[in-house]
Amino acid sequence: MPDADDRAFEAPAANPHAHTRASGHFTVVEVAGEIDLASAGFLVEHLDAATAGPEPDVLVDLRRVDFFDCSGLRVLCRAETRARQRGGRLRLVSDRPRIHQLLRASGLLGRFPPLPDVPAEKEAVEKGPVAKEDE
């Protein structure tokens, strides 16, 4: 019997820190504001829903993030692992130098090489799922 974590859920309601939308065959979780210990839970509910089904293809758009700490990194790592375990992938979209520096400093840049923009649907389909080992 599958547990509740394995069932596909509808996207949760938008909140001040996260909003989920469909873009072609993948799910975009748009993140905004400050993501820290106090607000990471708002992101978790969106990422859990986005990675709940089989072969999830999730883009986490961090271009509107003002602050992101290790609480946010932990949430991203957990969601990326969930996506990969279900045969899918999770990628980041960010043009923010501070996000790139945080990923580099934490040793996660190889796991999450940021895309500068949400890719076109054709590109997303051609690349297929990417499985990366934990760092």
Protein backbone atom coordinates (compact mmCIF):
# COMPACT_ATOMS: atom_id res chain seq x y z
CA MET A 1 0.00 0.00 0.00
CA PRO A 2 1.56 3.36 -0.98
CA ASP A 3 1.96 5.87 1.78
CA ALA A 4 0.60 9.40 1.56
CA ASP A 5 3.99 10.62 0.35
CA ASP A 6 3.67 8.58 -2.86
CA ARG A 7 0.31 9.94 -3.99
CA ALA A 8 0.08 12.86 -6.39
CA PHE A 9 -1.40 15.97 -4.82
CA GLU A 10 -2.77 19.13 -6.29
CA ALA A 11 -0.61 22.20 -5.94
CA PRO A 12 -1.10 23.91 -2.60
CA ALA A 13 -2.44 27.44 -2.42
CA ALA A 14 0.02 30.20 -3.22
CA ASN A 15 1.61 31.83 -0.21
CA PRO A 16 3.94 34.82 0.23
CA HIS A 17 6.99 32.62 -0.46
CA ALA A 18 5.91 30.07 -3.10
CA HIS A 19 3.54 29.64 -5.99
CA THR A 20 3.25 26.57 -8.26
CA ARG A 21 2.28 26.63 -11.91
CA ALA A 22 2.42 24.25 -14.86
CA SER A 23 4.63 25.08 -17.83
CA GLY A 24 4.35 22.47 -20.54
CA HIS A 25 5.11 19.07 -19.05
CA PHE A 26 7.01 20.39 -16.05
CA THR A 27 6.06 22.13 -12.83
CA VAL A 28 7.50 25.51 -11.91
CA VAL A 29 7.69 26.46 -8.25
CA GLU A 30 8.25 30.21 -8.11
CA VAL A 31 9.93 31.32 -4.88
CA ALA A 32 9.99 34.88 -3.55
CA GLY A 33 11.20 36.89 -0.58
CA GLU A 34 13.32 35.49 2.20
CA ILE A 35 13.69 31.74 2.63
CA ASP A 36 15.01 30.90 6.08
CA LEU A 37 14.10 28.69 9.02
CA ALA A 38 10.86 30.61 9.61
CA SER A 39 9.65 30.47 5.99
CA ALA A 40 11.12 27.24 4.56
CA GLY A 41 7.95 25.33 5.42
CA PHE A 42 5.99 27.41 2.90
CA LEU A 43 8.37 26.16 0.21
CA VAL A 44 8.26 22.56 1.47
CA GLU A 45 4.52 22.21 0.86
CA HIS A 46 4.93 23.28 -2.78
CA LEU A 47 7.97 21.09 -3.42
CA ASP A 48 6.35 18.07 -1.76
CA ALA A 49 3.33 18.41 -4.03
CA ALA A 50 5.50 19.00 -7.11
CA THR A 51 7.61 15.88 -6.45
CA ALA A 52 4.80 13.57 -5.29
CA GLY A 53 3.96 11.94 -8.61
CA PRO A 54 5.94 9.64 -10.89
CA GLU A 55 8.75 11.18 -12.97
CA PRO A 56 8.36 14.75 -11.73
CA ASP A 57 10.10 17.44 -13.76
CA VAL A 58 10.37 20.43 -11.44
CA LEU A 59 11.91 23.85 -11.94
CA VAL A 60 12.46 25.93 -8.82
CA ASP A 61 12.57 29.57 -9.89
CA LEU A 62 14.67 31.55 -7.40
CA ARG A 63 14.92 34.79 -9.40
CA ARG A 64 12.66 36.69 -6.97
CA VAL A 65 14.44 35.51 -3.81
CA ASP A 66 16.01 38.22 -1.65
CA PHE A 67 17.59 35.90 0.94
CA PHE A 68 18.21 32.15 1.02
CA ASP A 69 19.97 30.25 3.80
CA CYS A 70 20.85 26.67 4.71
CA SER A 71 17.21 25.96 5.61
CA GLY A 72 16.31 26.58 1.98
CA LEU A 73 19.22 24.43 0.77
CA ARG A 74 18.04 21.56 2.96
CA VAL A 75 14.55 21.83 1.46
CA LEU A 76 15.97 21.83 -2.09
CA CYS A 77 18.18 18.80 -1.42
CA ARG A 78 15.25 16.86 0.03
CA ALA A 79 13.02 17.73 -2.92
CA GLU A 80 15.71 16.87 -5.49
CA THR A 81 16.23 13.48 -3.84
CA ARG A 82 12.45 12.83 -3.88
CA ALA A 83 12.25 13.76 -7.56
CA ARG A 84 15.20 11.53 -8.47
CA GLN A 85 13.79 8.59 -6.46
CA ARG A 86 10.61 8.87 -8.52
CA GLY A 87 12.51 8.87 -11.83
CA GLY A 88 12.38 12.63 -12.33
CA ARG A 89 14.49 15.70 -11.77
CA LEU A 90 14.56 19.04 -10.01
CA ARG A 91 16.46 22.01 -11.43
CA LEU A 92 17.01 25.57 -10.26
CA VAL A 93 16.46 28.77 -12.19
CA SER A 94 18.48 31.71 -10.89
CA ASP A 95 20.29 34.73 -12.22
CA ARG A 96 21.20 35.92 -8.71
CA PRO A 97 24.95 36.00 -7.95
CA ARG A 98 24.24 35.44 -4.24
CA ILE A 99 22.40 32.19 -4.97
CA HIS A 100 25.31 31.04 -7.15
CA GLN A 101 27.78 31.93 -4.37
CA LEU A 102 25.71 30.05 -1.79
CA LEU A 103 25.57 26.95 -3.99
CA ARG A 104 29.32 27.13 -4.63
CA ALA A 105 30.19 27.68 -0.94
CA SER A 106 27.97 24.80 0.16
CA GLY A 107 29.39 22.40 -2.44
CA LEU A 108 26.01 22.10 -4.17
CA LEU A 109 26.75 23.92 -7.42
CA GLY A 110 27.39 20.60 -9.20
CA ARG A 111 24.10 19.20 -7.94
CA PHE A 112 22.16 22.37 -8.79
CA PRO A 113 23.76 24.18 -11.73
CA PRO A 114 21.37 27.13 -12.09
CA LEU A 115 19.61 27.82 -15.35
CA PRO A 116 19.34 31.53 -16.24
CA ASP A 117 15.68 31.26 -17.27
CA VAL A 118 12.81 28.77 -17.46
CA PRO A 119 13.71 26.65 -20.50
CA ALA A 120 11.45 26.25 -23.50
CA GLU A 121 9.27 23.13 -23.48
CA LYS A 122 11.20 21.55 -26.38
CA GLU A 123 14.52 21.85 -24.54
CA ALA A 124 13.04 20.38 -21.37
CA VAL A 125 11.74 17.32 -23.26
CA GLU A 126 14.97 16.73 -25.22
CA LYS A 127 17.22 16.73 -22.16
CA GLY A 128 15.22 14.07 -20.33
CA PRO A 129 15.58 13.23 -16.63
CA VAL A 130 18.93 13.84 -15.03
CA ALA A 131 20.08 11.65 -12.16
CA LYS A 132 22.89 13.05 -10.03
CA GLU A 133 24.51 11.55 -6.99
CA ASP A 134 24.23 13.32 -3.65
CA GLU A 135 27.16 15.54 -2.84
